[in-house]
Amino acid sequence: MAGGWARDGAVSEQIEATINDELARLKAQKAPVGESLKYCAECEEEIPEARRKAVPGVKLCIDCMQDKDAAFKARGGINRRGSKDSQLK
């Protein structure tokens, strides 16, 4: 059931489109490729052989990777499609 100016199913379509956009963005991120480094690209500590085998193309040791992940900032939830409801808030 749609309300206001929206047609039936419009809200579901908008949610699905937003999810698909985010999935496409995540898939576009580059995974490590190529040969793993023996030493960390940041701190130059040796990367354990088990990690190099488990994560092909790894460039960072576990500590540096944890620091990088901790610095990640989540994107804000912006409604880029400009629905009527988002404009009224």
Protein backbone atom coordinates (compact mmCIF):
# COMPACT_ATOMS: atom_id res chain seq x y z
CA MET A 1 0.00 0.00 0.00
CA ALA A 2 1.40 3.36 -1.00
CA GLY A 3 0.71 6.60 0.74
CA GLY A 4 0.73 10.16 -0.50
CA TRP A 5 2.09 10.55 -4.03
CA ALA A 6 3.93 7.22 -4.17
CA ARG A 7 2.64 4.36 -6.26
CA ASP A 8 2.25 0.85 -4.84
CA GLY A 9 5.61 -0.78 -4.18
CA ALA A 10 7.61 2.43 -4.54
CA VAL A 11 9.05 2.27 -1.03
CA SER A 12 10.15 -1.34 -1.47
CA GLU A 13 11.76 -0.47 -4.80
CA GLN A 14 13.62 2.42 -3.20
CA ILE A 15 14.92 0.21 -0.38
CA GLU A 16 16.01 -2.49 -2.83
CA ALA A 17 17.75 0.08 -5.04
CA THR A 18 19.65 1.49 -2.06
CA ILE A 19 20.74 -2.00 -1.00
CA ASN A 20 21.81 -2.86 -4.56
CA ASP A 21 23.83 0.38 -4.79
CA GLU A 22 25.70 -0.46 -1.58
CA LEU A 23 26.33 -4.05 -2.67
CA ALA A 24 27.72 -2.81 -5.99
CA ARG A 25 29.99 -0.36 -4.15
CA LEU A 26 31.30 -3.13 -1.89
CA LYS A 27 31.92 -5.48 -4.83
CA ALA A 28 33.84 -2.74 -6.63
CA GLN A 29 36.34 -2.45 -3.79
CA LYS A 30 39.58 -4.07 -4.75
CA ALA A 31 40.57 -7.23 -2.91
CA PRO A 32 44.28 -7.86 -2.43
CA VAL A 33 45.77 -9.41 -5.55
CA GLY A 34 49.17 -10.64 -6.55
CA GLU A 35 51.87 -12.06 -4.40
CA SER A 36 51.74 -11.51 -0.65
CA LEU A 37 54.46 -9.39 0.87
CA LYS A 38 56.85 -11.04 3.29
CA TYR A 39 57.14 -7.83 5.31
CA CYS A 40 54.37 -5.37 6.24
CA ALA A 41 54.10 -2.38 3.91
CA GLU A 42 53.66 -0.02 6.87
CA CYS A 43 55.71 -1.22 9.85
CA GLU A 44 58.06 -3.62 8.01
CA GLU A 45 57.44 -6.43 10.54
CA GLU A 46 57.46 -9.93 9.07
CA ILE A 47 54.03 -11.20 8.05
CA PRO A 48 53.56 -14.78 9.29
CA GLU A 49 53.52 -17.44 6.58
CA ALA A 50 50.11 -18.70 7.76
CA ARG A 51 48.62 -15.22 7.14
CA ARG A 52 50.25 -14.99 3.71
CA LYS A 53 48.72 -18.34 2.76
CA ALA A 54 45.30 -17.54 4.24
CA VAL A 55 45.00 -14.11 2.58
CA PRO A 56 46.54 -14.10 -0.90
CA GLY A 57 47.98 -10.72 -1.79
CA VAL A 58 48.17 -9.53 1.82
CA LYS A 59 50.23 -6.35 2.26
CA LEU A 60 49.75 -5.55 5.98
CA CYS A 61 50.44 -7.40 9.21
CA ILE A 62 47.53 -8.09 11.56
CA ASP A 63 48.29 -5.13 13.85
CA CYS A 64 48.45 -2.62 10.97
CA MET A 65 45.29 -4.07 9.42
CA GLN A 66 43.45 -3.73 12.75
CA ASP A 67 44.59 -0.10 13.00
CA LYS A 68 43.37 0.55 9.46
CA ASP A 69 40.00 -1.11 10.17
CA ALA A 70 39.59 0.88 13.41
CA ALA A 71 40.09 4.13 11.48
CA PHE A 72 37.18 3.25 9.14
CA LYS A 73 34.36 5.78 9.25
CA ALA A 74 30.89 4.62 8.33
CA ARG A 75 29.08 6.58 5.65
CA GLY A 76 25.99 8.48 6.65
CA GLY A 77 22.59 7.16 5.67
CA ILE A 78 21.69 9.65 2.96
CA ASN A 79 18.59 9.18 0.90
CA ARG A 80 19.97 10.07 -2.50
CA ARG A 81 16.72 9.38 -4.27
CA GLY A 82 15.02 12.36 -2.65
CA SER A 83 11.80 10.77 -1.52
CA LYS A 84 9.05 13.04 -0.31
CA ASP A 85 9.37 11.72 3.25
CA SER A 86 13.09 12.53 3.44
CA GLN A 87 12.47 16.09 2.26
CA LEU A 88 9.88 16.72 4.97
CA LYS A 89 12.26 15.93 7.83
